Structure formats: C-alpha cells, structure tokens
Amino acid sequence: MKVSVELTLTPLQDDFETPIKEFIKELRTSKFVVMENPLSTQVYGDFDEVIPFLTTLIKKSFGTIENGVLQMKLVKSDRSDYEPDF
C-alpha cells in the first residue's frame, strides 16, 4: 500500500537548524520520493518500507537532540503528483 507522510521536526534547543538539516539530508539519501517546503517535508512510498525507515531515522535524530517534537501526518495513498486545481 502506498502512503504519503508529512514530517515536521522541531528541536527544542538554541541550535535547532543543524538537527533539522541532518534529518532532511538523510531523507534525501533514501530511495523514496522526498519533497520539501519551508514548513515540512513529505515522503512518498510503500508503507512496509517507509515506516521502518522513518522509525530508524526518527530514533537516530532524537538521539542527537535533548528535547524535540516530531509532527507526522500519514495518508493512505501516494499524493506526490497532487496539483491544486484552483
């Protein structure tokens, strides 16, 4: 089953940019479709591959920050080709 995942990582520390950049760089090296915008990053792929990958990456990222929040939205479909019609 294909999924679309929207992620927003928010380290609660003064140097918040470095962990965010490292998180996104790791996402970019994956085999999944990754799209970025100023507020979030979207990942598109097969559920059984995306979720284990994200679990490992989130755990690794949380290990590099003292406190942080990760917001995630999960949609059951690949929305990577979505274009607004208005």
C-alpha atoms as a PDB file:
ATOM      1  CA  MET A   1       0.000   0.000   0.000  1.00  0.00           C
ATOM      2  CA  LYS A   2       1.305   3.440  -0.936  1.00  0.00           C
ATOM      3  CA  VAL A   3       1.488   6.212   1.666  1.00  0.00           C
ATOM      4  CA  SER A   4       2.257   9.901   1.892  1.00  0.00           C
ATOM      5  CA  VAL A   5       3.925  11.119   5.090  1.00  0.00           C
ATOM      6  CA  GLU A   6       4.340  14.736   6.118  1.00  0.00           C
ATOM      7  CA  LEU A   7       7.024  15.385   8.742  1.00  0.00           C
ATOM      8  CA  THR A   8       7.927  18.450  10.782  1.00  0.00           C
ATOM      9  CA  LEU A   9      10.882  18.101  13.161  1.00  0.00           C
ATOM     10  CA  THR A  10      11.160  20.776  15.847  1.00  0.00           C
ATOM     11  CA  PRO A  11      14.224  20.509  18.116  1.00  0.00           C
ATOM     12  CA  LEU A  12      13.593  22.485  21.315  1.00  0.00           C
ATOM     13  CA  GLN A  13      17.051  23.997  21.605  1.00  0.00           C
ATOM     14  CA  ASP A  14      19.045  27.052  20.509  1.00  0.00           C
ATOM     15  CA  ASP A  15      20.840  25.224  17.678  1.00  0.00           C
ATOM     16  CA  PHE A  16      17.714  23.856  16.039  1.00  0.00           C
ATOM     17  CA  GLU A  17      18.785  24.139  12.391  1.00  0.00           C
ATOM     18  CA  THR A  18      21.570  21.545  12.436  1.00  0.00           C
ATOM     19  CA  PRO A  19      19.417  18.566  13.508  1.00  0.00           C
ATOM     20  CA  ILE A  20      16.705  19.541  11.006  1.00  0.00           C
ATOM     21  CA  LYS A  21      19.210  19.755   8.160  1.00  0.00           C
ATOM     22  CA  GLU A  22      20.747  16.394   9.087  1.00  0.00           C
ATOM     23  CA  PHE A  23      17.289  14.799   9.244  1.00  0.00           C
ATOM     24  CA  ILE A  24      16.395  16.107   5.777  1.00  0.00           C
ATOM     25  CA  LYS A  25      19.770  15.089   4.315  1.00  0.00           C
ATOM     26  CA  GLU A  26      19.174  11.512   5.478  1.00  0.00           C
ATOM     27  CA  LEU A  27      15.688  11.547   3.981  1.00  0.00           C
ATOM     28  CA  ARG A  28      17.183  12.684   0.669  1.00  0.00           C
ATOM     29  CA  THR A  29      19.516   9.662   0.582  1.00  0.00           C
ATOM     30  CA  SER A  30      16.583   7.240   0.799  1.00  0.00           C
ATOM     31  CA  LYS A  31      15.007   5.548  -2.204  1.00  0.00           C
ATOM     32  CA  PHE A  32      11.716   7.321  -1.528  1.00  0.00           C
ATOM     33  CA  VAL A  33      10.286  10.391  -3.212  1.00  0.00           C
ATOM     34  CA  VAL A  34      11.067  13.316  -0.886  1.00  0.00           C
ATOM     35  CA  MET A  35       9.615  16.804  -1.330  1.00  0.00           C
ATOM     36  CA  GLU A  36      10.433  19.764   0.873  1.00  0.00           C
ATOM     37  CA  ASN A  37       8.874  23.099   1.630  1.00  0.00           C
ATOM     38  CA  PRO A  38       9.657  25.714   4.302  1.00  0.00           C
ATOM     39  CA  LEU A  39       7.310  24.150   6.883  1.00  0.00           C
ATOM     40  CA  SER A  40       7.566  20.395   6.366  1.00  0.00           C
ATOM     41  CA  THR A  41       8.985  17.528   4.369  1.00  0.00           C
ATOM     42  CA  GLN A  42       6.919  14.919   2.571  1.00  0.00           C
ATOM     43  CA  VAL A  43       7.954  11.319   1.945  1.00  0.00           C
ATOM     44  CA  TYR A  44       6.139   9.044  -0.510  1.00  0.00           C
ATOM     45  CA  GLY A  45       6.485   5.301  -0.901  1.00  0.00           C
ATOM     46  CA  ASP A  46       5.346   1.850   0.137  1.00  0.00           C
ATOM     47  CA  PHE A  47       4.078   1.638   3.738  1.00  0.00           C
ATOM     48  CA  ASP A  48       6.096  -1.501   4.590  1.00  0.00           C
ATOM     49  CA  GLU A  49       9.302   0.244   3.516  1.00  0.00           C
ATOM     50  CA  VAL A  50       8.674   3.851   4.546  1.00  0.00           C
ATOM     51  CA  ILE A  51       7.565   3.248   8.140  1.00  0.00           C
ATOM     52  CA  PRO A  52      10.574   1.117   9.245  1.00  0.00           C
ATOM     53  CA  PHE A  53      12.915   3.608   7.556  1.00  0.00           C
ATOM     54  CA  LEU A  54      11.268   6.550   9.330  1.00  0.00           C
ATOM     55  CA  THR A  55      11.261   4.725  12.679  1.00  0.00           C
ATOM     56  CA  THR A  56      15.029   4.231  12.460  1.00  0.00           C
ATOM     57  CA  LEU A  57      15.665   7.787  11.279  1.00  0.00           C
ATOM     58  CA  ILE A  58      13.454   9.383  13.936  1.00  0.00           C
ATOM     59  CA  LYS A  59      15.138   7.366  16.683  1.00  0.00           C
ATOM     60  CA  LYS A  60      18.565   8.391  15.370  1.00  0.00           C
ATOM     61  CA  SER A  61      17.524  12.044  15.172  1.00  0.00           C
ATOM     62  CA  PHE A  62      16.019  12.035  18.663  1.00  0.00           C
ATOM     63  CA  GLY A  63      19.339  10.656  19.909  1.00  0.00           C
ATOM     64  CA  THR A  64      21.098  13.833  18.754  1.00  0.00           C
ATOM     65  CA  ILE A  65      18.786  16.328  20.487  1.00  0.00           C
ATOM     66  CA  GLU A  66      17.909  16.802  24.130  1.00  0.00           C
ATOM     67  CA  ASN A  67      14.245  17.694  23.581  1.00  0.00           C
ATOM     68  CA  GLY A  68      12.160  17.870  20.462  1.00  0.00           C
ATOM     69  CA  VAL A  69       8.835  17.366  18.760  1.00  0.00           C
ATOM     70  CA  LEU A  70       8.119  15.488  15.549  1.00  0.00           C
ATOM     71  CA  GLN A  71       4.740  16.013  13.926  1.00  0.00           C
ATOM     72  CA  MET A  72       3.705  13.403  11.402  1.00  0.00           C
ATOM     73  CA  LYS A  73       0.694  13.111   9.124  1.00  0.00           C
ATOM     74  CA  LEU A  74       0.121   9.805   7.366  1.00  0.00           C
ATOM     75  CA  VAL A  75      -2.172   9.473   4.344  1.00  0.00           C
ATOM     76  CA  LYS A  76      -3.111   6.164   2.756  1.00  0.00           C
ATOM     77  CA  SER A  77      -2.250   6.994  -0.871  1.00  0.00           C
ATOM     78  CA  ASP A  78       0.594   8.434  -2.872  1.00  0.00           C
ATOM     79  CA  ARG A  79      -0.194  12.140  -3.197  1.00  0.00           C
ATOM     80  CA  SER A  80       3.155  13.110  -4.741  1.00  0.00           C
ATOM     81  CA  ASP A  81       1.540  14.110  -8.016  1.00  0.00           C
ATOM     82  CA  TYR A  82      -1.140  16.317  -6.409  1.00  0.00           C
ATOM     83  CA  GLU A  83      -1.636  19.692  -8.073  1.00  0.00           C
ATOM     84  CA  PRO A  84      -4.279  22.155  -6.881  1.00  0.00           C
ATOM     85  CA  ASP A  85      -6.965  22.944  -9.444  1.00  0.00           C
ATOM     86  CA  PHE A  86      -7.818  26.406  -8.198  1.00  0.00           C
END
